[in-house]
C-alpha cells in the first residue's frame, strides 16, 4: 500500500511498478498547446462571439486570468510533489488515495469528453470540405482518427508524443501564416 509522506511524495515498496517519465518539456508543452489550439482557437471564438457578442473579449480576458492562476497553482504543487501522475498524485498527496482516485477518474472523464468534442468538430469540418460529406463520412473519419491515434500510442509513449508534436505543429503553422499575412496587409 502506498502512503503519501508529509512532503507529498509517496513512498513505494522497492518491487512496486512505477510510472515512466517519458515525456519531456517539449512534449508536455506541445500537449498543452495542442489542447488549447485545438478547440480554443479554431472553434470556440466563433461560438463565444455568437453568444456574447462584443462582451466575448471580456470573457476571454477573465478566463485567461483564471487559467493563469490555475496554472500557477499546478506549478507550485508540481514543485512540491515529486510523484508521477499529475493531478492524481497532487490530490492523493493532499487528501489520500480515495480522493486522489476520484479526482483522477473525473479528470480522465473530462479529458475523454473534451477529446471527443474536438474530434467530432474536426471530423465535421473535414467532411464539410469533401463531396458527399454526411453522417457516414463523419463517423468513418472519427473511427479512422481514433484507430490511428490508438496505434501510435500503443507503439509507445515516445511515438505518441512525436505524433502529438506533429499535430501541434500542423495547427500552429496556419496560425503563423495567418498572422504573417495580417502583418503584410498592415
N, C-alpha and C. Protein backbone atom coordinates (compact mmCIF):
# COMPACT_ATOMS: atom_id res chain seq x y z
N UNK A 1 0.84 -1.18 0.00
CA UNK A 1 0.00 0.00 0.00
C UNK A 1 0.88 1.24 0.00
N UNK A 2 0.50 2.22 -0.86
CA UNK A 2 1.29 3.45 -0.94
C UNK A 2 0.74 4.46 0.06
N UNK A 3 1.63 5.17 0.70
CA UNK A 3 1.24 6.24 1.59
C UNK A 3 1.97 7.50 1.18
N UNK A 4 1.30 8.62 1.29
CA UNK A 4 1.95 9.89 0.96
C UNK A 4 2.74 10.37 2.17
N UNK A 5 3.94 10.81 1.93
CA UNK A 5 4.75 11.38 3.00
C UNK A 5 4.30 12.81 3.23
N UNK A 6 4.73 13.44 4.32
CA UNK A 6 4.31 14.82 4.57
C UNK A 6 4.66 15.77 3.42
N UNK A 7 5.76 15.52 2.71
CA UNK A 7 6.13 16.39 1.60
C UNK A 7 5.34 16.05 0.33
N UNK A 8 4.56 15.00 0.36
CA UNK A 8 3.71 14.70 -0.78
C UNK A 8 4.26 13.67 -1.73
N UNK A 9 5.50 13.22 -1.58
CA UNK A 9 6.00 12.20 -2.50
C UNK A 9 5.76 10.84 -1.88
N UNK A 10 4.95 10.00 -2.54
CA UNK A 10 4.62 8.72 -1.95
C UNK A 10 5.84 7.82 -1.88
N UNK A 11 5.90 7.06 -0.82
CA UNK A 11 6.98 6.07 -0.71
C UNK A 11 6.43 4.75 -1.22
N UNK A 12 7.13 4.15 -2.15
CA UNK A 12 6.67 2.91 -2.75
C UNK A 12 7.60 1.78 -2.35
N UNK A 13 7.06 0.60 -2.21
CA UNK A 13 7.92 -0.56 -1.94
C UNK A 13 8.88 -0.76 -3.10
N UNK A 14 10.06 -1.33 -2.86
CA UNK A 14 11.07 -1.45 -3.91
C UNK A 14 10.62 -2.26 -5.12
N UNK A 15 9.72 -3.22 -4.95
CA UNK A 15 9.29 -4.05 -6.07
C UNK A 15 8.02 -3.55 -6.75
N UNK A 16 7.48 -2.41 -6.31
CA UNK A 16 6.24 -1.88 -6.88
C UNK A 16 6.51 -1.26 -8.24
N UNK A 17 5.59 -1.47 -9.21
CA UNK A 17 5.78 -0.83 -10.52
C UNK A 17 5.59 0.68 -10.40
N UNK A 18 6.31 1.41 -11.21
CA UNK A 18 6.20 2.87 -11.20
C UNK A 18 5.87 3.36 -12.60
N UNK A 19 5.34 4.56 -12.68
CA UNK A 19 5.06 5.16 -13.97
C UNK A 19 6.35 5.67 -14.59
N UNK A 20 6.46 5.56 -15.90
CA UNK A 20 7.64 6.00 -16.61
C UNK A 20 7.50 7.49 -16.93
N UNK A 21 8.55 8.25 -16.68
CA UNK A 21 8.56 9.68 -17.04
C UNK A 21 9.18 9.81 -18.42
N UNK A 22 8.38 9.56 -19.44
CA UNK A 22 8.90 9.54 -20.80
C UNK A 22 8.66 10.85 -21.55
N UNK A 23 7.80 11.70 -21.05
CA UNK A 23 7.51 12.96 -21.72
C UNK A 23 8.44 14.04 -21.19
N UNK A 24 9.11 14.73 -22.10
CA UNK A 24 9.97 15.83 -21.72
C UNK A 24 9.22 17.15 -21.76
N UNK A 25 9.95 18.21 -21.59
CA UNK A 25 9.36 19.55 -21.57
C UNK A 25 8.72 19.87 -22.92
N UNK A 26 9.40 19.52 -24.03
CA UNK A 26 8.87 19.81 -25.36
C UNK A 26 7.54 19.09 -25.60
N UNK A 27 7.48 17.81 -25.24
CA UNK A 27 6.24 17.05 -25.45
C UNK A 27 5.13 17.56 -24.55
N UNK A 28 5.46 17.92 -23.32
CA UNK A 28 4.45 18.46 -22.41
C UNK A 28 3.92 19.80 -22.92
N UNK A 29 4.83 20.66 -23.38
CA UNK A 29 4.41 21.95 -23.93
C UNK A 29 3.55 21.75 -25.17
N UNK A 30 3.95 20.80 -26.04
CA UNK A 30 3.15 20.52 -27.24
C UNK A 30 1.76 20.02 -26.86
N UNK A 31 1.68 19.21 -25.82
CA UNK A 31 0.38 18.70 -25.39
C UNK A 31 -0.52 19.84 -24.92
N UNK A 32 0.04 20.76 -24.14
CA UNK A 32 -0.74 21.89 -23.65
C UNK A 32 -1.17 22.79 -24.80
N UNK A 33 -0.24 23.14 -25.68
CA UNK A 33 -0.57 23.99 -26.83
C UNK A 33 -1.59 23.29 -27.73
N UNK A 34 -1.41 22.00 -27.97
CA UNK A 34 -2.32 21.24 -28.81
C UNK A 34 -3.74 21.27 -28.25
N UNK A 35 -3.86 21.12 -26.95
CA UNK A 35 -5.17 21.14 -26.31
C UNK A 35 -5.82 22.51 -26.44
N UNK A 36 -5.06 23.55 -26.21
CA UNK A 36 -5.61 24.91 -26.27
C UNK A 36 -5.96 25.29 -27.70
N UNK A 37 -5.06 25.03 -28.62
CA UNK A 37 -5.27 25.46 -30.00
C UNK A 37 -6.38 24.65 -30.66
N UNK A 38 -6.50 23.39 -30.32
CA UNK A 38 -7.50 22.54 -30.96
C UNK A 38 -8.89 23.12 -30.93
N UNK A 39 -9.40 23.37 -29.76
CA UNK A 39 -10.76 23.89 -29.67
C UNK A 39 -10.77 25.37 -29.33
N UNK A 40 -9.80 25.82 -28.58
CA UNK A 40 -9.79 27.19 -28.09
C UNK A 40 -9.50 28.23 -29.14
N UNK A 41 -8.90 27.85 -30.25
CA UNK A 41 -8.56 28.83 -31.28
C UNK A 41 -9.42 28.66 -32.52
N UNK A 42 -9.62 27.41 -32.94
CA UNK A 42 -10.30 27.19 -34.22
C UNK A 42 -11.83 27.16 -34.11
N UNK A 43 -12.38 26.84 -32.96
CA UNK A 43 -13.84 26.68 -32.87
C UNK A 43 -14.46 27.62 -31.85
N UNK A 44 -13.91 27.66 -30.65
CA UNK A 44 -14.53 28.36 -29.54
C UNK A 44 -14.78 29.85 -29.79
N UNK A 45 -13.86 30.60 -30.40
CA UNK A 45 -14.13 32.04 -30.59
C UNK A 45 -15.42 32.33 -31.35
N UNK A 46 -15.72 31.53 -32.36
CA UNK A 46 -16.96 31.77 -33.12
C UNK A 46 -18.19 31.50 -32.25
N UNK A 47 -18.12 30.46 -31.45
CA UNK A 47 -19.26 30.12 -30.58
C UNK A 47 -19.44 31.20 -29.51
N UNK A 48 -18.34 31.60 -28.88
CA UNK A 48 -18.41 32.63 -27.83
C UNK A 48 -18.89 33.95 -28.41
N UNK A 49 -18.40 34.34 -29.57
CA UNK A 49 -18.83 35.59 -30.20
C UNK A 49 -20.31 35.56 -30.54
N UNK A 50 -20.79 34.41 -30.98
CA UNK A 50 -22.22 34.30 -31.31
C UNK A 50 -23.09 34.44 -30.07
N UNK A 51 -22.59 33.95 -28.93
CA UNK A 51 -23.39 34.01 -27.70
C UNK A 51 -23.25 35.35 -26.99
N UNK A 52 -22.01 35.85 -26.86
CA UNK A 52 -21.75 37.04 -26.05
C UNK A 52 -21.61 38.34 -26.84
N UNK A 53 -21.40 38.22 -28.13
CA UNK A 53 -21.21 39.42 -28.93
C UNK A 53 -19.93 40.14 -28.53
N UNK A 54 -19.98 41.48 -28.40
CA UNK A 54 -18.77 42.24 -28.07
C UNK A 54 -18.20 41.91 -26.69
N UNK A 55 -18.99 41.37 -25.79
CA UNK A 55 -18.51 41.03 -24.45
C UNK A 55 -17.61 39.79 -24.47
N UNK A 56 -17.46 39.15 -25.62
CA UNK A 56 -16.62 37.96 -25.73
C UNK A 56 -15.18 38.27 -25.37
N UNK A 57 -14.70 39.48 -25.70
CA UNK A 57 -13.33 39.86 -25.38
C UNK A 57 -13.13 39.88 -23.87
N UNK A 58 -14.09 40.43 -23.15
CA UNK A 58 -14.01 40.48 -21.69
C UNK A 58 -14.01 39.07 -21.11
N UNK A 59 -14.85 38.21 -21.66
CA UNK A 59 -14.90 36.82 -21.19
C UNK A 59 -13.55 36.14 -21.39
N UNK A 60 -12.90 36.39 -22.51
CA UNK A 60 -11.58 35.79 -22.77
C UNK A 60 -10.53 36.30 -21.80
N UNK A 61 -10.57 37.59 -21.46
CA UNK A 61 -9.60 38.15 -20.52
C UNK A 61 -9.81 37.54 -19.13
N UNK A 62 -11.06 37.44 -18.69
CA UNK A 62 -11.36 36.84 -17.38
C UNK A 62 -10.90 35.38 -17.36
N UNK A 63 -11.21 34.65 -18.41
CA UNK A 63 -10.79 33.24 -18.48
C UNK A 63 -9.27 33.11 -18.51
N UNK A 64 -8.59 34.00 -19.20
CA UNK A 64 -7.13 33.95 -19.25
C UNK A 64 -6.53 34.16 -17.86
N UNK A 65 -7.08 35.07 -17.09
CA UNK A 65 -6.60 35.30 -15.73
C UNK A 65 -6.84 34.06 -14.87
N UNK A 66 -8.02 33.47 -14.98
CA UNK A 66 -8.33 32.27 -14.19
C UNK A 66 -7.43 31.09 -14.58
N UNK A 67 -7.20 30.90 -15.86
CA UNK A 67 -6.33 29.82 -16.31
C UNK A 67 -4.90 30.05 -15.84
N UNK A 68 -4.44 31.30 -15.86
CA UNK A 68 -3.09 31.61 -15.37
C UNK A 68 -2.97 31.28 -13.88
N UNK A 69 -3.98 31.63 -13.10
CA UNK A 69 -3.96 31.31 -11.66
C UNK A 69 -3.96 29.79 -11.45
N UNK A 70 -4.77 29.10 -12.22
CA UNK A 70 -4.82 27.63 -12.14
C UNK A 70 -3.46 27.04 -12.49
N UNK A 71 -2.84 27.55 -13.54
CA UNK A 71 -1.52 27.07 -13.95
C UNK A 71 -0.47 27.33 -12.89
N UNK A 72 -0.53 28.49 -12.23
CA UNK A 72 0.41 28.79 -11.15
C UNK A 72 0.22 27.83 -9.98
N UNK A 73 -1.02 27.48 -9.68
CA UNK A 73 -1.28 26.50 -8.61
C UNK A 73 -0.67 25.14 -8.97
N UNK A 74 -0.85 24.72 -10.20
CA UNK A 74 -0.27 23.44 -10.64
C UNK A 74 1.25 23.49 -10.59
N UNK A 75 1.85 24.61 -10.96
CA UNK A 75 3.30 24.75 -10.92
C UNK A 75 3.80 24.65 -9.48
N UNK A 76 3.11 25.29 -8.57
CA UNK A 76 3.50 25.24 -7.16
C UNK A 76 3.40 23.82 -6.61
N UNK A 77 2.30 23.17 -6.86
CA UNK A 77 2.12 21.80 -6.37
C UNK A 77 3.11 20.87 -7.04
N UNK A 78 3.33 21.06 -8.35
CA UNK A 78 4.28 20.21 -9.07
C UNK A 78 5.70 20.34 -8.54
N UNK A 79 6.03 21.50 -7.97
CA UNK A 79 7.37 21.66 -7.40
C UNK A 79 7.50 20.99 -6.05
N UNK A 80 6.39 20.63 -5.44
CA UNK A 80 6.42 20.02 -4.10
C UNK A 80 6.15 18.52 -4.12
N UNK A 81 5.37 18.04 -5.08
CA UNK A 81 5.04 16.62 -5.17
C UNK A 81 5.88 16.03 -6.29
N UNK A 82 6.70 15.07 -5.96
CA UNK A 82 7.64 14.53 -6.93
C UNK A 82 7.20 13.20 -7.50
N UNK A 83 5.97 12.79 -7.28
CA UNK A 83 5.47 11.52 -7.81
C UNK A 83 4.89 11.74 -9.20
N UNK A 84 4.95 10.71 -10.03
CA UNK A 84 4.30 10.77 -11.34
C UNK A 84 2.80 10.65 -11.15
N UNK A 85 2.04 11.22 -12.07
CA UNK A 85 0.60 11.08 -12.01
C UNK A 85 -0.16 12.38 -12.12
N UNK A 86 0.53 13.50 -12.13
CA UNK A 86 -0.14 14.79 -12.32
C UNK A 86 -1.16 15.08 -11.24
N UNK A 87 -2.35 15.47 -11.66
CA UNK A 87 -3.40 15.89 -10.73
C UNK A 87 -3.73 14.79 -9.73
N UNK A 88 -3.72 13.53 -10.19
CA UNK A 88 -3.99 12.42 -9.27
C UNK A 88 -2.98 12.41 -8.13
N UNK A 89 -1.69 12.51 -8.46
CA UNK A 89 -0.65 12.47 -7.44
C UNK A 89 -0.76 13.67 -6.50
N UNK A 90 -1.10 14.83 -7.02
CA UNK A 90 -1.20 16.02 -6.20
C UNK A 90 -2.36 15.89 -5.20
N UNK A 91 -3.50 15.46 -5.70
CA UNK A 91 -4.67 15.32 -4.83
C UNK A 91 -4.44 14.19 -3.83
N UNK A 92 -3.83 13.10 -4.28
CA UNK A 92 -3.55 11.98 -3.36
C UNK A 92 -2.63 12.42 -2.23
N UNK A 93 -1.62 13.20 -2.54
CA UNK A 93 -0.69 13.66 -1.51
C UNK A 93 -1.39 14.54 -0.49
N UNK A 94 -2.36 15.31 -0.93
CA UNK A 94 -3.05 16.23 -0.02
C UNK A 94 -4.20 15.57 0.73
N UNK A 95 -4.96 14.70 0.07
CA UNK A 95 -6.22 14.22 0.65
C UNK A 95 -6.33 12.70 0.78
N UNK A 96 -5.36 11.96 0.28
CA UNK A 96 -5.40 10.50 0.40
C UNK A 96 -5.74 9.81 -0.91
N UNK A 97 -5.60 8.47 -0.88
CA UNK A 97 -5.75 7.67 -2.09
C UNK A 97 -7.14 7.73 -2.71
N UNK A 98 -8.18 7.63 -1.89
CA UNK A 98 -9.54 7.60 -2.45
C UNK A 98 -9.88 8.90 -3.16
N UNK A 99 -9.63 10.03 -2.51
CA UNK A 99 -9.94 11.32 -3.13
C UNK A 99 -9.06 11.54 -4.36
N UNK A 100 -7.81 11.08 -4.29
CA UNK A 100 -6.93 11.15 -5.45
C UNK A 100 -7.48 10.34 -6.61
N UNK A 101 -7.99 9.14 -6.31
CA UNK A 101 -8.57 8.31 -7.36
C UNK A 101 -9.80 8.99 -7.98
N UNK A 102 -10.66 9.54 -7.13
CA UNK A 102 -11.86 10.22 -7.64
C UNK A 102 -11.46 11.39 -8.53
N UNK A 103 -10.50 12.18 -8.09
CA UNK A 103 -10.04 13.33 -8.89
C UNK A 103 -9.45 12.86 -10.22
N UNK A 104 -8.63 11.81 -10.18
CA UNK A 104 -8.05 11.27 -11.40
C UNK A 104 -9.11 10.72 -12.35
N UNK A 105 -10.10 10.04 -11.80
CA UNK A 105 -11.18 9.49 -12.61
C UNK A 105 -11.99 10.60 -13.28
N UNK A 106 -12.34 11.62 -12.50
CA UNK A 106 -13.12 12.73 -13.06
C UNK A 106 -12.32 13.52 -14.11
N UNK A 107 -11.03 13.70 -13.86
CA UNK A 107 -10.18 14.36 -14.84
C UNK A 107 -10.10 13.54 -16.12
N UNK A 108 -9.98 12.23 -15.98
CA UNK A 108 -9.97 11.34 -17.15
C UNK A 108 -11.25 11.45 -17.95
N UNK A 109 -12.39 11.47 -17.24
CA UNK A 109 -13.69 11.62 -17.93
C UNK A 109 -13.77 12.94 -18.67
N UNK A 110 -13.31 14.02 -18.03
CA UNK A 110 -13.32 15.34 -18.67
C UNK A 110 -12.45 15.36 -19.91
N UNK A 111 -11.29 14.70 -19.84
CA UNK A 111 -10.39 14.66 -20.99
C UNK A 111 -11.00 13.85 -22.14
N UNK A 112 -11.69 12.78 -21.82
CA UNK A 112 -12.35 11.98 -22.85
C UNK A 112 -13.44 12.79 -23.54
N UNK A 113 -14.24 13.49 -22.76
CA UNK A 113 -15.32 14.30 -23.35
C UNK A 113 -14.74 15.42 -24.20
N UNK A 114 -13.70 16.09 -23.70
CA UNK A 114 -13.08 17.18 -24.47
C UNK A 114 -12.46 16.65 -25.76
N UNK A 115 -11.80 15.51 -25.67
CA UNK A 115 -11.20 14.90 -26.86
C UNK A 115 -12.27 14.53 -27.87
N UNK A 116 -13.36 13.97 -27.40
CA UNK A 116 -14.45 13.59 -28.30
C UNK A 116 -15.07 14.82 -28.97
N UNK A 117 -15.19 15.91 -28.24
CA UNK A 117 -15.74 17.14 -28.81
C UNK A 117 -14.83 17.68 -29.92
N UNK A 118 -13.54 17.73 -29.64
CA UNK A 118 -12.59 18.23 -30.65
C UNK A 118 -12.57 17.31 -31.86
N UNK A 119 -12.56 16.00 -31.62
CA UNK A 119 -12.55 15.04 -32.74
C UNK A 119 -13.82 15.16 -33.57
N UNK A 120 -14.95 15.35 -32.94
CA UNK A 120 -16.21 15.49 -33.66
C UNK A 120 -16.22 16.76 -34.50
N UNK A 121 -15.71 17.85 -33.95
CA UNK A 121 -15.63 19.10 -34.70
C UNK A 121 -14.68 18.94 -35.88
N UNK A 122 -13.54 18.28 -35.65
CA UNK A 122 -12.57 18.03 -36.73
C UNK A 122 -13.22 17.20 -37.83
N UNK A 123 -13.87 16.11 -37.47
CA UNK A 123 -14.50 15.25 -38.47
C UNK A 123 -15.60 16.00 -39.22
N UNK A 124 -16.36 16.81 -38.52
CA UNK A 124 -17.40 17.60 -39.18
C UNK A 124 -16.83 18.61 -40.15
N UNK A 125 -15.73 19.26 -39.76
CA UNK A 125 -15.09 20.25 -40.63
C UNK A 125 -14.52 19.60 -41.88
N UNK A 126 -13.82 18.46 -41.70
CA UNK A 126 -13.24 17.77 -42.86
C UNK A 126 -14.33 17.23 -43.77
N UNK A 127 -15.38 16.64 -43.19
CA UNK A 127 -16.44 16.09 -44.04
C UNK A 127 -17.20 17.19 -44.78
N UNK A 128 -17.25 18.40 -44.22
CA UNK A 128 -17.91 19.51 -44.92
C UNK A 128 -17.11 19.94 -46.14
N UNK A 129 -15.80 19.71 -46.12
CA UNK A 129 -14.95 20.08 -47.26
C UNK A 129 -15.00 19.04 -48.38
N UNK A 130 -15.38 17.82 -48.05
CA UNK A 130 -15.37 16.74 -49.03
C UNK A 130 -16.75 16.57 -49.66
N UNK A 131 -16.79 16.19 -50.94
CA UNK A 131 -18.08 15.98 -51.58
C UNK A 131 -18.82 14.80 -50.94
N UNK A 132 -20.09 14.96 -50.77
CA UNK A 132 -20.91 13.89 -50.18
C UNK A 132 -20.66 13.72 -48.70
N UNK A 133 -20.16 14.76 -48.05
CA UNK A 133 -19.84 14.65 -46.62
C UNK A 133 -21.09 14.64 -45.78
N UNK A 134 -21.43 13.50 -45.27
CA UNK A 134 -22.59 13.37 -44.40
C UNK A 134 -22.21 12.66 -43.11
N UNK A 135 -23.22 12.13 -42.46
CA UNK A 135 -23.01 11.47 -41.17
C UNK A 135 -22.11 10.24 -41.30
N UNK A 136 -22.26 9.49 -42.39
CA UNK A 136 -21.44 8.28 -42.56
C UNK A 136 -19.96 8.64 -42.72
N UNK A 137 -19.67 9.70 -43.46
CA UNK A 137 -18.29 10.12 -43.63
C UNK A 137 -17.71 10.64 -42.32
N UNK A 138 -18.50 11.40 -41.56
CA UNK A 138 -18.04 11.88 -40.25
C UNK A 138 -17.72 10.72 -39.33
N UNK A 139 -18.59 9.72 -39.32
CA UNK A 139 -18.35 8.54 -38.48
C UNK A 139 -17.09 7.80 -38.91
N UNK A 140 -16.91 7.65 -40.22
CA UNK A 140 -15.71 6.96 -40.73
C UNK A 140 -14.45 7.74 -40.37
N UNK A 141 -14.50 9.07 -40.46
CA UNK A 141 -13.35 9.89 -40.09
C UNK A 141 -13.04 9.77 -38.60
N UNK A 142 -14.07 9.72 -37.77
CA UNK A 142 -13.86 9.56 -36.34
C UNK A 142 -13.20 8.23 -36.02
N UNK A 143 -13.70 7.17 -36.64
CA UNK A 143 -13.11 5.84 -36.41
C UNK A 143 -11.66 5.83 -36.88
N UNK A 144 -11.40 6.36 -38.06
CA UNK A 144 -10.04 6.41 -38.58
C UNK A 144 -9.12 7.21 -37.66
N UNK A 145 -9.59 8.33 -37.19
CA UNK A 145 -8.80 9.18 -36.29
C UNK A 145 -8.44 8.44 -35.01
N UNK A 146 -9.44 7.85 -34.35
CA UNK A 146 -9.18 7.18 -33.07
C UNK A 146 -8.36 5.90 -33.24
N UNK A 147 -8.58 5.17 -34.31
CA UNK A 147 -7.77 3.97 -34.54
C UNK A 147 -6.32 4.36 -34.79
N UNK A 148 -6.12 5.41 -35.59
CA UNK A 148 -4.75 5.88 -35.85
C UNK A 148 -4.06 6.32 -34.58
N UNK A 149 -4.74 7.12 -33.77
CA UNK A 149 -4.14 7.58 -32.53
C UNK A 149 -3.86 6.43 -31.57
N UNK A 150 -4.75 5.46 -31.53
CA UNK A 150 -4.53 4.29 -30.68
C UNK A 150 -3.30 3.52 -31.13
N UNK A 151 -3.14 3.34 -32.42
CA UNK A 151 -1.97 2.61 -32.94
C UNK A 151 -0.69 3.34 -32.56
N UNK A 152 -0.66 4.65 -32.73
CA UNK A 152 0.54 5.41 -32.37
C UNK A 152 0.85 5.28 -30.87
N UNK A 153 -0.18 5.37 -30.05
CA UNK A 153 0.05 5.31 -28.61
C UNK A 153 0.40 3.90 -28.12
N UNK A 154 -0.12 2.89 -28.77
CA UNK A 154 0.24 1.51 -28.41
C UNK A 154 1.71 1.26 -28.72
N UNK A 155 2.20 1.88 -29.75
CA UNK A 155 3.62 1.73 -30.12
C UNK A 155 4.55 2.28 -29.04
N UNK A 156 4.06 3.19 -28.22
CA UNK A 156 4.87 3.70 -27.12
C UNK A 156 4.60 5.16 -26.84
N UNK A 157 4.98 5.57 -25.64
CA UNK A 157 4.76 6.95 -25.22
C UNK A 157 5.52 7.92 -26.11
N UNK A 158 6.75 7.58 -26.44
CA UNK A 158 7.54 8.49 -27.27
C UNK A 158 6.96 8.65 -28.67
N UNK A 159 6.46 7.56 -29.25
CA UNK A 159 5.83 7.65 -30.57
C UNK A 159 4.59 8.53 -30.49
N UNK A 160 3.76 8.31 -29.47
CA UNK A 160 2.58 9.14 -29.28
C UNK A 160 2.94 10.61 -29.09
N UNK A 161 4.02 10.86 -28.35
CA UNK A 161 4.46 12.24 -28.13
C UNK A 161 4.91 12.89 -29.43
N UNK A 162 5.62 12.15 -30.26
CA UNK A 162 6.09 12.70 -31.54
C UNK A 162 4.90 13.03 -32.45
N UNK A 163 3.90 12.16 -32.47
CA UNK A 163 2.71 12.42 -33.28
C UNK A 163 1.99 13.65 -32.75
N UNK A 164 1.91 13.78 -31.43
CA UNK A 164 1.28 14.95 -30.83
C UNK A 164 2.03 16.23 -31.19
N UNK A 165 3.36 16.17 -31.19
CA UNK A 165 4.15 17.33 -31.57
C UNK A 165 3.91 17.69 -33.04
N UNK A 166 3.78 16.69 -33.89
CA UNK A 166 3.50 16.92 -35.30
C UNK A 166 2.11 17.55 -35.48
N UNK A 167 1.13 17.04 -34.76
CA UNK A 167 -0.22 17.61 -34.83
C UNK A 167 -0.23 19.06 -34.32
N UNK A 168 0.52 19.32 -33.27
CA UNK A 168 0.61 20.69 -32.75
C UNK A 168 1.20 21.62 -33.80
N UNK A 169 2.28 21.18 -34.44
CA UNK A 169 2.89 22.00 -35.49
C UNK A 169 1.91 22.23 -36.63
N UNK A 170 1.14 21.20 -36.99
CA UNK A 170 0.19 21.34 -38.10
C UNK A 170 -0.93 22.32 -37.76
N UNK A 171 -1.19 22.53 -36.48
CA UNK A 171 -2.18 23.53 -36.08
C UNK A 171 -1.57 24.92 -36.00
N UNK A 172 -0.30 24.99 -35.59
CA UNK A 172 0.33 26.30 -35.42
C UNK A 172 0.75 26.94 -36.74
N UNK A 173 1.13 26.13 -37.71
CA UNK A 173 1.61 26.68 -38.99
C UNK A 173 0.55 27.56 -39.67
N UNK A 174 -0.72 27.11 -39.77
CA UNK A 174 -1.72 28.01 -40.37
C UNK A 174 -1.92 29.30 -39.58
N UNK A 175 -1.81 29.22 -38.25
CA UNK A 175 -1.96 30.43 -37.44
C UNK A 175 -0.81 31.41 -37.68
N UNK A 176 0.40 30.88 -37.78
CA UNK A 176 1.56 31.73 -38.06
C UNK A 176 1.44 32.37 -39.43
N UNK A 177 1.03 31.57 -40.42
CA UNK A 177 0.85 32.11 -41.77
C UNK A 177 -0.23 33.18 -41.80
N UNK A 178 -1.31 32.96 -41.07
CA UNK A 178 -2.39 33.95 -40.99
C UNK A 178 -1.91 35.23 -40.33
N UNK A 179 -1.12 35.10 -39.27
CA UNK A 179 -0.60 36.29 -38.59
C UNK A 179 0.38 37.05 -39.50
N UNK A 180 1.22 36.31 -40.23
CA UNK A 180 2.14 36.97 -41.15
C UNK A 180 1.40 37.69 -42.27
N UNK A 181 0.32 37.06 -42.76
CA UNK A 181 -0.46 37.69 -43.82
C UNK A 181 -1.09 38.97 -43.30
N UNK A 182 -1.55 38.95 -42.06
CA UNK A 182 -2.11 40.15 -41.45
C UNK A 182 -1.09 41.26 -41.31
N UNK A 183 0.16 40.91 -41.00
CA UNK A 183 1.22 41.90 -40.87
C UNK A 183 1.57 42.50 -42.22
N UNK A 184 1.54 41.67 -43.26
CA UNK A 184 1.87 42.15 -44.60
C UNK A 184 0.82 43.17 -45.06
N UNK A 185 -0.43 42.93 -44.76
CA UNK A 185 -1.50 43.85 -45.18
C UNK A 185 -1.44 45.17 -44.46
N UNK A 186 -0.95 45.18 -43.23
CA UNK A 186 -0.89 46.43 -42.44
C UNK A 186 0.34 47.16 -42.84
